[in-house]
Amino acid sequence: SNNSAEIRRVKDRIKSLSQQKEIGFVGWKFDGGKVEANTEA
């Protein structure tokens, strides 16, 4: 059961990373700080 859960987690992770690579995300600055899109994390 744990193996199956780990397989699903890895598949979801791969899918998410693929989407991020295709879409790309942007950060911005605000008064008193900044926002970053950390694709690695």
Full PDB file with SEQRES, HELIX, SHEET, SSBOND, CRYST1, ORIGX, SCALE, CONECT and MASTER records, all heavy atoms in Angstrom:
SEQRES   1 A   41  SER ASN ASN SER ALA GLU ILE ARG ARG VAL LYS ASP ARG          
SEQRES   2 A   41  ILE LYS SER LEU SER GLN GLN LYS GLU ILE GLY PHE VAL          
SEQRES   3 A   41  GLY TRP LYS PHE ASP GLY GLY LYS VAL GLU ALA ASN THR          
SEQRES   4 A   41  GLU ALA                                                      
HELIX    1 AA1 ASN A    2  ILE A   23  1                                  22    
SHEET    1 AA1 2 TRP A  28  PHE A  30  0                                        
SHEET    2 AA1 2 GLY A  33  VAL A  35 -1                                        
CRYST1    1.000    1.000    1.000  90.00  90.00  90.00 P 1           1          
ORIGX1      1.000000  0.000000  0.000000        0.00000                         
ORIGX2      0.000000  1.000000  0.000000        0.00000                         
ORIGX3      0.000000  0.000000  1.000000        0.00000                         
SCALE1      1.000000  0.000000  0.000000        0.00000                         
SCALE2      0.000000  1.000000  0.000000        0.00000                         
SCALE3      0.000000  0.000000  1.000000        0.00000                         
ATOM      1  N   SER A   1       0.833  -1.203   0.000  1.00  0.00           N  
ATOM      2  CA  SER A   1       0.000   0.000   0.000  1.00  0.00           C  
ATOM      3  C   SER A   1       0.865   1.250   0.000  1.00  0.00           C  
ATOM      4  O   SER A   1       0.591   2.227  -0.710  1.00  0.00           O  
ATOM      5  CB  SER A   1      -0.935   0.002   1.214  1.00  0.00           C  
ATOM      6  OG  SER A   1      -1.788  -1.124   1.204  1.00  0.00           O  
ATOM      7  N   ASN A   2       1.921   1.222   0.819  1.00  0.00           N  
ATOM      8  CA  ASN A   2       2.831   2.370   0.847  1.00  0.00           C  
ATOM      9  C   ASN A   2       3.513   2.581  -0.495  1.00  0.00           C  
ATOM     10  O   ASN A   2       3.727   3.709  -0.937  1.00  0.00           O  
ATOM     11  CB  ASN A   2       3.881   2.180   1.943  1.00  0.00           C  
ATOM     12  CG  ASN A   2       3.277   2.329   3.332  1.00  0.00           C  
ATOM     13  OD1 ASN A   2       2.140   2.780   3.468  1.00  0.00           O  
ATOM     14  ND2 ASN A   2       4.033   1.950   4.356  1.00  0.00           N  
ATOM     15  N   ASN A   3       3.884   1.469  -1.148  1.00  0.00           N  
ATOM     16  CA  ASN A   3       4.508   1.577  -2.461  1.00  0.00           C  
ATOM     17  C   ASN A   3       3.559   2.222  -3.463  1.00  0.00           C  
ATOM     18  O   ASN A   3       3.953   3.072  -4.265  1.00  0.00           O  
ATOM     19  CB  ASN A   3       4.927   0.198  -2.971  1.00  0.00           C  
ATOM     20  CG  ASN A   3       6.170  -0.323  -2.267  1.00  0.00           C  
ATOM     21  OD1 ASN A   3       6.903   0.458  -1.676  1.00  0.00           O  
ATOM     22  ND2 ASN A   3       6.396  -1.618  -2.328  1.00  0.00           N  
ATOM     23  N   SER A   4       2.291   1.808  -3.431  1.00  0.00           N  
ATOM     24  CA  SER A   4       1.308   2.376  -4.353  1.00  0.00           C  
ATOM     25  C   SER A   4       1.130   3.867  -4.106  1.00  0.00           C  
ATOM     26  O   SER A   4       1.045   4.665  -5.051  1.00  0.00           O  
ATOM     27  CB  SER A   4      -0.040   1.655  -4.197  1.00  0.00           C  
ATOM     28  OG  SER A   4       0.086   0.285  -4.486  1.00  0.00           O  
ATOM     29  N   ALA A   5       1.089   4.259  -2.844  1.00  0.00           N  
ATOM     30  CA  ALA A   5       0.946   5.675  -2.509  1.00  0.00           C  
ATOM     31  C   ALA A   5       2.157   6.472  -2.985  1.00  0.00           C  
ATOM     32  O   ALA A   5       2.026   7.592  -3.496  1.00  0.00           O  
ATOM     33  CB  ALA A   5       0.766   5.841  -1.005  1.00  0.00           C  
ATOM     34  N   GLU A   6       3.342   5.882  -2.841  1.00  0.00           N  
ATOM     35  CA  GLU A   6       4.566   6.568  -3.275  1.00  0.00           C  
ATOM     36  C   GLU A   6       4.590   6.720  -4.794  1.00  0.00           C  
ATOM     37  O   GLU A   6       5.007   7.757  -5.319  1.00  0.00           O  
ATOM     38  CB  GLU A   6       5.792   5.776  -2.805  1.00  0.00           C  
ATOM     39  CG  GLU A   6       7.131   6.378  -3.211  1.00  0.00           C  
ATOM     40  CD  GLU A   6       7.390   7.734  -2.562  1.00  0.00           C  
ATOM     41  OE1 GLU A   6       6.645   8.115  -1.626  1.00  0.00           O  
ATOM     42  OE2 GLU A   6       8.327   8.418  -3.005  1.00  0.00           O  
ATOM     43  N   ILE A   7       4.114   5.680  -5.496  1.00  0.00           N  
ATOM     44  CA  ILE A   7       4.054   5.751  -6.960  1.00  0.00           C  
ATOM     45  C   ILE A   7       3.122   6.880  -7.397  1.00  0.00           C  
ATOM     46  O   ILE A   7       3.445   7.665  -8.292  1.00  0.00           O  
ATOM     47  CB  ILE A   7       3.593   4.403  -7.546  1.00  0.00           C  
ATOM     48  CG1 ILE A   7       4.687   3.342  -7.362  1.00  0.00           C  
ATOM     49  CG2 ILE A   7       3.249   4.540  -9.037  1.00  0.00           C  
ATOM     50  CD1 ILE A   7       4.244   1.947  -7.731  1.00  0.00           C  
ATOM     51  N   ARG A   8       1.954   6.964  -6.754  1.00  0.00           N  
ATOM     52  CA  ARG A   8       1.016   8.035  -7.096  1.00  0.00           C  
ATOM     53  C   ARG A   8       1.615   9.408  -6.803  1.00  0.00           C  
ATOM     54  O   ARG A   8       1.447  10.358  -7.575  1.00  0.00           O  
ATOM     55  CB  ARG A   8      -0.291   7.854  -6.319  1.00  0.00           C  
ATOM     56  CG  ARG A   8      -1.154   6.701  -6.819  1.00  0.00           C  
ATOM     57  CD  ARG A   8      -2.558   6.798  -6.237  1.00  0.00           C  
ATOM     58  NE  ARG A   8      -2.554   6.685  -4.782  1.00  0.00           N  
ATOM     59  CZ  ARG A   8      -2.631   5.544  -4.116  1.00  0.00           C  
ATOM     60  NH1 ARG A   8      -2.716   4.400  -4.782  1.00  0.00           N  
ATOM     61  NH2 ARG A   8      -2.636   5.524  -2.798  1.00  0.00           N  
ATOM     62  N   ARG A   9       2.327   9.519  -5.674  1.00  0.00           N  
ATOM     63  CA  ARG A   9       2.923  10.801  -5.315  1.00  0.00           C  
ATOM     64  C   ARG A   9       3.963  11.236  -6.348  1.00  0.00           C  
ATOM     65  O   ARG A   9       3.991  12.400  -6.771  1.00  0.00           O  
ATOM     66  CB  ARG A   9       3.580  10.710  -3.936  1.00  0.00           C  
ATOM     67  CG  ARG A   9       4.071  12.047  -3.388  1.00  0.00           C  
ATOM     68  CD  ARG A   9       4.973  11.852  -2.186  1.00  0.00           C  
ATOM     69  NE  ARG A   9       6.237  11.210  -2.539  1.00  0.00           N  
ATOM     70  CZ  ARG A   9       7.249  11.855  -3.122  1.00  0.00           C  
ATOM     71  NH1 ARG A   9       7.149  13.141  -3.430  1.00  0.00           N  
ATOM     72  NH2 ARG A   9       8.369  11.213  -3.411  1.00  0.00           N  
ATOM     73  N   VAL A  10       4.798  10.287  -6.768  1.00  0.00           N  
ATOM     74  CA  VAL A  10       5.838  10.607  -7.743  1.00  0.00           C  
ATOM     75  C   VAL A  10       5.221  10.987  -9.089  1.00  0.00           C  
ATOM     76  O   VAL A  10       5.668  11.931  -9.755  1.00  0.00           O  
ATOM     77  CB  VAL A  10       6.798   9.410  -7.903  1.00  0.00           C  
ATOM     78  CG1 VAL A  10       7.766   9.654  -9.062  1.00  0.00           C  
ATOM     79  CG2 VAL A  10       7.584   9.183  -6.614  1.00  0.00           C  
ATOM     80  N   LYS A  11       4.160  10.273  -9.478  1.00  0.00           N  
ATOM     81  CA  LYS A  11       3.495  10.585 -10.736  1.00  0.00           C  
ATOM     82  C   LYS A  11       2.899  11.987 -10.705  1.00  0.00           C  
ATOM     83  O   LYS A  11       3.015  12.757 -11.664  1.00  0.00           O  
ATOM     84  CB  LYS A  11       2.398   9.558 -11.021  1.00  0.00           C  
ATOM     85  CG  LYS A  11       2.908   8.206 -11.476  1.00  0.00           C  
ATOM     86  CD  LYS A  11       1.789   7.199 -11.603  1.00  0.00           C  
ATOM     87  CE  LYS A  11       0.738   7.631 -12.583  1.00  0.00           C  
ATOM     88  NZ  LYS A  11      -0.338   6.623 -12.730  1.00  0.00           N  
ATOM     89  N   ASP A  12       2.259  12.316  -9.593  1.00  0.00           N  
ATOM     90  CA  ASP A  12       1.679  13.660  -9.457  1.00  0.00           C  
ATOM     91  C   ASP A  12       2.767  14.725  -9.483  1.00  0.00           C  
ATOM     92  O   ASP A  12       2.587  15.807 -10.057  1.00  0.00           O  
ATOM     93  CB  ASP A  12       0.880  13.763  -8.152  1.00  0.00           C  
ATOM     94  CG  ASP A  12      -0.384  12.914  -8.186  1.00  0.00           C  
ATOM     95  OD1 ASP A  12      -0.820  12.557  -9.293  1.00  0.00           O  
ATOM     96  OD2 ASP A  12      -0.924  12.609  -7.097  1.00  0.00           O  
ATOM     97  N   ARG A  13       3.888  14.411  -8.839  1.00  0.00           N  
ATOM     98  CA  ARG A  13       5.009  15.348  -8.806  1.00  0.00           C  
ATOM     99  C   ARG A  13       5.564  15.591 -10.213  1.00  0.00           C  
ATOM    100  O   ARG A  13       5.811  16.733 -10.608  1.00  0.00           O  
ATOM    101  CB  ARG A  13       6.109  14.784  -7.903  1.00  0.00           C  
ATOM    102  CG  ARG A  13       7.411  15.565  -7.906  1.00  0.00           C  
ATOM    103  CD  ARG A  13       7.275  16.925  -7.287  1.00  0.00           C  
ATOM    104  NE  ARG A  13       8.573  17.552  -7.103  1.00  0.00           N  
ATOM    105  CZ  ARG A  13       8.758  18.847  -6.925  1.00  0.00           C  
ATOM    106  NH1 ARG A  13       7.720  19.659  -6.896  1.00  0.00           N  
ATOM    107  NH2 ARG A  13       9.980  19.333  -6.759  1.00  0.00           N  
ATOM    108  N   ILE A  14       5.722  14.523 -10.980  1.00  0.00           N  
ATOM    109  CA  ILE A  14       6.229  14.641 -12.352  1.00  0.00           C  
ATOM    110  C   ILE A  14       5.264  15.459 -13.203  1.00  0.00           C  
ATOM    111  O   ILE A  14       5.665  16.324 -13.988  1.00  0.00           O  
ATOM    112  CB  ILE A  14       6.449  13.241 -12.960  1.00  0.00           C  
ATOM    113  CG1 ILE A  14       7.597  12.523 -12.244  1.00  0.00           C  
ATOM    114  CG2 ILE A  14       6.722  13.326 -14.457  1.00  0.00           C  
ATOM    115  CD1 ILE A  14       7.767  11.079 -12.650  1.00  0.00           C  
ATOM    116  N   LYS A  15       3.968  15.172 -13.029  1.00  0.00           N  
ATOM    117  CA  LYS A  15       2.959  15.903 -13.789  1.00  0.00           C  
ATOM    118  C   LYS A  15       2.988  17.393 -13.461  1.00  0.00           C  
ATOM    119  O   LYS A  15       2.915  18.251 -14.342  1.00  0.00           O  
ATOM    120  CB  LYS A  15       1.579  15.331 -13.489  1.00  0.00           C  
ATOM    121  CG  LYS A  15       0.452  15.965 -14.279  1.00  0.00           C  
ATOM    122  CD  LYS A  15      -0.871  15.289 -13.966  1.00  0.00           C  
ATOM    123  CE  LYS A  15      -2.000  15.932 -14.760  1.00  0.00           C  
ATOM    124  NZ  LYS A  15      -3.314  15.284 -14.444  1.00  0.00           N  
ATOM    125  N   SER A  16       3.131  17.697 -12.158  1.00  0.00           N  
ATOM    126  CA  SER A  16       3.158  19.094 -11.721  1.00  0.00           C  
ATOM    127  C   SER A  16       4.370  19.825 -12.274  1.00  0.00           C  
ATOM    128  O   SER A  16       4.271  20.948 -12.765  1.00  0.00           O  
ATOM    129  CB  SER A  16       3.150  19.162 -10.194  1.00  0.00           C  
ATOM    130  OG  SER A  16       3.280  20.489  -9.741  1.00  0.00           O  
ATOM    131  N   LEU A  17       5.525  19.170 -12.208  1.00  0.00           N  
ATOM    132  CA  LEU A  17       6.752  19.797 -12.710  1.00  0.00           C  
ATOM    133  C   LEU A  17       6.694  20.020 -14.213  1.00  0.00           C  
ATOM    134  O   LEU A  17       7.179  21.035 -14.724  1.00  0.00           O  
ATOM    135  CB  LEU A  17       7.962  18.936 -12.346  1.00  0.00           C  
ATOM    136  CG  LEU A  17       8.315  18.858 -10.851  1.00  0.00           C  
ATOM    137  CD1 LEU A  17       9.451  17.868 -10.629  1.00  0.00           C  
ATOM    138  CD2 LEU A  17       8.696  20.237 -10.314  1.00  0.00           C  
ATOM    139  N   SER A  18       6.068  19.073 -14.927  1.00  0.00           N  
ATOM    140  CA  SER A  18       5.940  19.221 -16.374  1.00  0.00           C  
ATOM    141  C   SER A  18       5.068  20.419 -16.714  1.00  0.00           C  
ATOM    142  O   SER A  18       5.365  21.185 -17.630  1.00  0.00           O  
ATOM    143  CB  SER A  18       5.346  17.939 -16.982  1.00  0.00           C  
ATOM    144  OG  SER A  18       6.188  16.838 -16.740  1.00  0.00           O  
ATOM    145  N   GLN A  19       3.964  20.573 -15.978  1.00  0.00           N  
ATOM    146  CA  GLN A  19       3.087  21.708 -16.212  1.00  0.00           C  
ATOM    147  C   GLN A  19       3.794  23.029 -15.927  1.00  0.00           C  
ATOM    148  O   GLN A  19       3.641  24.004 -16.664  1.00  0.00           O  
ATOM    149  CB  GLN A  19       1.835  21.584 -15.344  1.00  0.00           C  
ATOM    150  CG  GLN A  19       0.899  20.464 -15.775  1.00  0.00           C  
ATOM    151  CD  GLN A  19      -0.289  20.319 -14.849  1.00  0.00           C  
ATOM    152  OE1 GLN A  19      -0.274  20.813 -13.726  1.00  0.00           O  
ATOM    153  NE2 GLN A  19      -1.324  19.633 -15.313  1.00  0.00           N  
ATOM    154  N   GLN A  20       4.571  23.060 -14.836  1.00  0.00           N  
ATOM    155  CA  GLN A  20       5.295  24.280 -14.495  1.00  0.00           C  
ATOM    156  C   GLN A  20       6.289  24.660 -15.586  1.00  0.00           C  
ATOM    157  O   GLN A  20       6.452  25.822 -15.924  1.00  0.00           O  
ATOM    158  CB  GLN A  20       6.025  24.104 -13.165  1.00  0.00           C  
ATOM    159  CG  GLN A  20       5.103  23.984 -11.967  1.00  0.00           C  
ATOM    160  CD  GLN A  20       5.867  23.609 -10.723  1.00  0.00           C  
ATOM    161  OE1 GLN A  20       7.076  23.756 -10.672  1.00  0.00           O  
ATOM    162  NE2 GLN A  20       5.162  23.127  -9.723  1.00  0.00           N  
ATOM    163  N   LYS A  21       6.927  23.642 -16.134  1.00  0.00           N  
ATOM    164  CA  LYS A  21       7.915  23.900 -17.176  1.00  0.00           C  
ATOM    165  C   LYS A  21       7.246  24.456 -18.424  1.00  0.00           C  
ATOM    166  O   LYS A  21       7.775  25.329 -19.106  1.00  0.00           O  
ATOM    167  CB  LYS A  21       8.668  22.613 -17.506  1.00  0.00           C  
ATOM    168  CG  LYS A  21       9.805  22.805 -18.492  1.00  0.00           C  
ATOM    169  CD  LYS A  21      10.560  21.514 -18.690  1.00  0.00           C  
ATOM    170  CE  LYS A  21      11.710  21.699 -19.666  1.00  0.00           C  
ATOM    171  NZ  LYS A  21      12.455  20.446 -19.891  1.00  0.00           N  
ATOM    172  N   GLU A  22       6.060  23.943 -18.737  1.00  0.00           N  
ATOM    173  CA  GLU A  22       5.347  24.400 -19.916  1.00  0.00           C  
ATOM    174  C   GLU A  22       4.760  25.802 -19.707  1.00  0.00           C  
ATOM    175  O   GLU A  22       4.805  26.647 -20.595  1.00  0.00           O  
ATOM    176  CB  GLU A  22       4.221  23.411 -20.258  1.00  0.00           C  
ATOM    177  CG  GLU A  22       4.731  22.050 -20.725  1.00  0.00           C  
ATOM    178  CD  GLU A  22       3.595  21.060 -20.931  1.00  0.00           C  
ATOM    179  OE1 GLU A  22       2.419  21.466 -20.729  1.00  0.00           O  
ATOM    180  OE2 GLU A  22       3.864  19.902 -21.286  1.00  0.00           O  
ATOM    181  N   ILE A  23       4.175  26.044 -18.508  1.00  0.00           N  
ATOM    182  CA  ILE A  23       3.477  27.309 -18.254  1.00  0.00           C  
ATOM    183  C   ILE A  23       4.461  28.415 -17.889  1.00  0.00           C  
ATOM    184  O   ILE A  23       4.489  29.480 -18.490  1.00  0.00           O  
ATOM    185  CB  ILE A  23       2.433  27.142 -17.132  1.00  0.00           C  
ATOM    186  CG1 ILE A  23       1.365  26.133 -17.576  1.00  0.00           C  
ATOM    187  CG2 ILE A  23       1.793  28.466 -16.772  1.00  0.00           C  
ATOM    188  CD1 ILE A  23       0.379  25.787 -16.480  1.00  0.00           C  
ATOM    189  N   GLY A  24       5.277  28.176 -16.857  1.00  0.00           N  
ATOM    190  CA  GLY A  24       6.152  29.215 -16.337  1.00  0.00           C  
ATOM    191  C   GLY A  24       5.381  30.131 -15.396  1.00  0.00           C  
ATOM    192  O   GLY A  24       4.194  30.401 -15.609  1.00  0.00           O  
ATOM    193  N   PHE A  25       6.019  30.563 -14.338  1.00  0.00           N  
ATOM    194  CA  PHE A  25       5.365  31.419 -13.353  1.00  0.00           C  
ATOM    195  C   PHE A  25       6.205  32.679 -13.137  1.00  0.00           C  
ATOM    196  O   PHE A  25       7.421  32.682 -13.349  1.00  0.00           O  
ATOM    197  CB  PHE A  25       5.176  30.668 -12.029  1.00  0.00           C  
ATOM    198  CG  PHE A  25       4.175  29.556 -12.118  1.00  0.00           C  
ATOM    199  CD1 PHE A  25       4.595  28.240 -12.298  1.00  0.00           C  
ATOM    200  CD2 PHE A  25       2.821  29.810 -12.030  1.00  0.00           C  
ATOM    201  CE1 PHE A  25       3.671  27.210 -12.383  1.00  0.00           C  
ATOM    202  CE2 PHE A  25       1.893  28.784 -12.118  1.00  0.00           C  
ATOM    203  CZ  PHE A  25       2.317  27.481 -12.297  1.00  0.00           C  
ATOM    204  N   VAL A  26       5.538  33.746 -12.697  1.00  0.00           N  
ATOM    205  CA  VAL A  26       6.188  35.041 -12.545  1.00  0.00           C  
ATOM    206  C   VAL A  26       6.131  35.477 -11.079  1.00  0.00           C  
ATOM    207  O   VAL A  26       5.195  35.149 -10.345  1.00  0.00           O  
ATOM    208  CB  VAL A  26       5.499  36.092 -13.450  1.00  0.00           C  
ATOM    209  CG1 VAL A  26       4.077  36.352 -13.010  1.00  0.00           C  
ATOM    210  CG2 VAL A  26       6.301  37.394 -13.502  1.00  0.00           C  
ATOM    211  N   GLY A  27       7.135  36.216 -10.643  1.00  0.00           N  
ATOM    212  CA  GLY A  27       7.143  36.812  -9.310  1.00  0.00           C  
ATOM    213  C   GLY A  27       6.927  38.325  -9.398  1.00  0.00           C  
ATOM    214  O   GLY A  27       6.804  38.878 -10.504  1.00  0.00           O  
ATOM    215  N   TRP A  28       6.906  39.011  -8.271  1.00  0.00           N  
ATOM    216  CA  TRP A  28       6.703  40.460  -8.287  1.00  0.00           C  
ATOM    217  C   TRP A  28       7.205  41.060  -6.973  1.00  0.00           C  
ATOM    218  O   TRP A  28       7.459  40.341  -6.001  1.00  0.00           O  
ATOM    219  CB  TRP A  28       5.234  40.802  -8.515  1.00  0.00           C  
ATOM    220  CG  TRP A  28       4.309  40.398  -7.393  1.00  0.00           C  
ATOM    221  CD1 TRP A  28       3.953  41.147  -6.308  1.00  0.00           C  
ATOM    222  CD2 TRP A  28       3.650  39.143  -7.251  1.00  0.00           C  
ATOM    223  NE1 TRP A  28       3.101  40.449  -5.495  1.00  0.00           N  
ATOM    224  CE2 TRP A  28       2.886  39.197  -6.067  1.00  0.00           C  
ATOM    225  CE3 TRP A  28       3.595  37.958  -8.011  1.00  0.00           C  
ATOM    226  CZ2 TRP A  28       2.113  38.152  -5.607  1.00  0.00           C  
ATOM    227  CZ3 TRP A  28       2.817  36.917  -7.567  1.00  0.00           C  
ATOM    228  CH2 TRP A  28       2.090  37.014  -6.381  1.00  0.00           C  
ATOM    229  N   LYS A  29       7.313  42.363  -6.972  1.00  0.00           N  
ATOM    230  CA  LYS A  29       7.700  43.090  -5.756  1.00  0.00           C  
ATOM    231  C   LYS A  29       6.472  43.799  -5.187  1.00  0.00           C  
ATOM    232  O   LYS A  29       5.574  44.222  -5.920  1.00  0.00           O  
ATOM    233  CB  LYS A  29       8.792  44.106  -6.074  1.00  0.00           C  
ATOM    234  CG  LYS A  29      10.131  43.473  -6.439  1.00  0.00           C  
ATOM    235  CD  LYS A  29      11.202  44.541  -6.655  1.00  0.00           C  
ATOM    236  CE  LYS A  29      12.556  43.903  -6.979  1.00  0.00           C  
ATOM    237  NZ  LYS A  29      13.619  44.923  -7.184  1.00  0.00           N  
ATOM    238  N   PHE A  30       6.440  43.908  -3.873  1.00  0.00           N  
ATOM    239  CA  PHE A  30       5.364  44.638  -3.203  1.00  0.00           C  
ATOM    240  C   PHE A  30       5.997  45.545  -2.144  1.00  0.00           C  
ATOM    241  O   PHE A  30       7.197  45.443  -1.860  1.00  0.00           O  
ATOM    242  CB  PHE A  30       4.346  43.671  -2.595  1.00  0.00           C  
ATOM    243  CG  PHE A  30       4.910  42.753  -1.551  1.00  0.00           C  
ATOM    244  CD1 PHE A  30       4.965  43.128  -0.201  1.00  0.00           C  
ATOM    245  CD2 PHE A  30       5.403  41.485  -1.893  1.00  0.00           C  
ATOM    246  CE1 PHE A  30       5.493  42.290   0.762  1.00  0.00           C  
ATOM    247  CE2 PHE A  30       5.931  40.633  -0.923  1.00  0.00           C  
ATOM    248  CZ  PHE A  30       5.979  41.037   0.399  1.00  0.00           C  
ATOM    249  N   ASP A  31       5.217  46.407  -1.594  1.00  0.00           N  
ATOM    250  CA  ASP A  31       5.705  47.342  -0.593  1.00  0.00           C  
ATOM    251  C   ASP A  31       6.099  46.586   0.672  1.00  0.00           C  
ATOM    252  O   ASP A  31       5.248  46.084   1.393  1.00  0.00           O  
ATOM    253  CB  ASP A  31       4.607  48.379  -0.279  1.00  0.00           C  
ATOM    254  CG  ASP A  31       5.130  49.499   0.634  1.00  0.00           C  
ATOM    255  OD1 ASP A  31       6.370  49.589   0.803  1.00  0.00           O  
ATOM    256  OD2 ASP A  31       4.304  50.262   1.162  1.00  0.00           O  
ATOM    257  N   GLY A  32       7.406  46.447   0.864  1.00  0.00           N  
ATOM    258  CA  GLY A  32       7.893  45.759   2.049  1.00  0.00           C  
ATOM    259  C   GLY A  32       8.359  44.336   1.791  1.00  0.00           C  
ATOM    260  O   GLY A  32       8.599  43.593   2.751  1.00  0.00           O  
ATOM    261  N   GLY A  33       8.540  43.973   0.514  1.00  0.00           N  
ATOM    262  CA  GLY A  33       9.037  42.627   0.249  1.00  0.00           C  
ATOM    263  C   GLY A  33       8.906  42.200  -1.213  1.00  0.00           C  
ATOM    264  O   GLY A  33       8.705  43.033  -2.108  1.00  0.00           O  
ATOM    265  N   LYS A  34       9.012  40.922  -1.440  1.00  0.00           N  
ATOM    266  CA  LYS A  34       8.920  40.389  -2.807  1.00  0.00           C  
ATOM    267  C   LYS A  34       8.299  38.984  -2.787  1.00  0.00           C  
ATOM    268  O   LYS A  34       8.298  38.293  -1.764  1.00  0.00           O  
ATOM    269  CB  LYS A  34      10.297  40.326  -3.462  1.00  0.00           C  
ATOM    270  CG  LYS A  34      11.268  39.373  -2.762  1.00  0.00           C  
ATOM    271  CD  LYS A  34      12.625  39.330  -3.470  1.00  0.00           C  
ATOM    272  CE  LYS A  34      13.574  38.346  -2.758  1.00  0.00           C  
ATOM    273  NZ  LYS A  34      14.875  38.258  -3.424  1.00  0.00           N  
ATOM    274  N   VAL A  35       7.784  38.587  -3.956  1.00  0.00           N  
ATOM    275  CA  VAL A  35       7.222  37.243  -4.150  1.00  0.00           C  
ATOM    276  C   VAL A  35       8.031  36.553  -5.242  1.00  0.00           C  
ATOM    277  O   VAL A  35       8.284  37.141  -6.307  1.00  0.00           O  
ATOM    278  CB  VAL A  35       5.730  37.312  -4.554  1.00  0.00           C  
ATOM    279  CG1 VAL A  35       5.197  35.905  -4.820  1.00  0.00           C  
ATOM    280  CG2 VAL A  35       4.914  37.991  -3.470  1.00  0.00           C  
ATOM    281  N   GLU A  36       8.434  35.310  -4.981  1.00  0.00           N  
ATOM    282  CA  GLU A  36       9.209  34.535  -5.960  1.00  0.00           C  
ATOM    283  C   GLU A  36       8.498  33.227  -6.295  1.00  0.00           C  
ATOM    284  O   GLU A  36       7.926  32.585  -5.405  1.00  0.00           O  
ATOM    285  CB  GLU A  36      10.613  34.221  -5.411  1.00  0.00           C  
ATOM    286  CG  GLU A  36      11.505  35.441  -5.269  1.00  0.00           C  
ATOM    287  CD  GLU A  36      12.908  35.063  -4.820  1.00  0.00           C  
ATOM    288  OE1 GLU A  36      13.141  33.859  -4.545  1.00  0.00           O  
ATOM    289  OE2 GLU A  36      13.769  35.960  -4.722  1.00  0.00           O  
ATOM    290  N   ALA A  37       8.564  32.852  -7.568  1.00  0.00           N  
ATOM    291  CA  ALA A  37       8.044  31.553  -8.019  1.00  0.00           C  
ATOM    292  C   ALA A  37       9.215  30.574  -8.037  1.00  0.00           C  
ATOM    293  O   ALA A  37      10.014  30.558  -8.980  1.00  0.00           O  
ATOM    294  CB  ALA A  37       7.419  31.673  -9.399  1.00  0.00           C  
ATOM    295  N   ASN A  38       9.335  29.777  -6.973  1.00  0.00           N  
ATOM    296  CA  ASN A  38      10.441  28.840  -6.833  1.00  0.00           C  
ATOM    297  C   ASN A  38      10.034  27.502  -7.456  1.00  0.00           C  
ATOM    298  O   ASN A  38       9.368  26.675  -6.833  1.00  0.00           O  
ATOM    299  CB  ASN A  38      10.781  28.663  -5.346  1.00  0.00           C  
ATOM    300  CG  ASN A  38      12.053  27.860  -5.134  1.00  0.00           C  
ATOM    301  OD1 ASN A  38      12.452  27.076  -5.991  1.00  0.00           O  
ATOM    302  ND2 ASN A  38      12.688  28.049  -3.986  1.00  0.00           N  
ATOM    303  N   THR A  39      10.426  27.311  -8.711  1.00  0.00           N  
ATOM    304  CA  THR A  39      10.018  26.086  -9.432  1.00  0.00           C  
ATOM    305  C   THR A  39      10.717  24.851  -8.884  1.00  0.00           C  
ATOM    306  O   THR A  39      10.157  23.751  -8.934  1.00  0.00           O  
ATOM    307  CB  THR A  39      10.314  26.224 -10.933  1.00  0.00           C  
ATOM    308  OG1 THR A  39      11.703  26.566 -11.111  1.00  0.00           O  
ATOM    309  CG2 THR A  39       9.454  27.311 -11.556  1.00  0.00           C  
ATOM    310  N   GLU A  40      11.933  24.986  -8.367  1.00  0.00           N  
ATOM    311  CA  GLU A  40      12.652  23.831  -7.835  1.00  0.00           C  
ATOM    312  C   GLU A  40      11.961  23.293  -6.585  1.00  0.00           C  
ATOM    313  O   GLU A  40      11.833  22.083  -6.400  1.00  0.00           O  
ATOM    314  CB  GLU A  40      14.099  24.198  -7.526  1.00  0.00           C  
ATOM    315  CG  GLU A  40      14.938  24.463  -8.771  1.00  0.00           C  
ATOM    316  CD  GLU A  40      16.398  24.686  -8.425  1.00  0.00           C  
ATOM    317  OE1 GLU A  40      16.752  24.557  -7.230  1.00  0.00           O  
ATOM    318  OE2 GLU A  40      17.187  24.985  -9.338  1.00  0.00           O  
ATOM    319  N   ALA A  41      11.526  24.203  -5.721  1.00  0.00           N  
ATOM    320  CA  ALA A  41      10.827  23.778  -4.506  1.00  0.00           C  
ATOM    321  C   ALA A  41       9.335  23.617  -4.747  1.00  0.00           C  
ATOM    322  O   ALA A  41       8.612  23.140  -3.878  1.00  0.00           O  
ATOM    323  CB  ALA A  41      11.055  24.799  -3.387  1.00  0.00           C  
TER     324      ALA A  41                                                      
MASTER        0    0    0    1    2    0    0    6  323    1    0    4          
END                                                                             
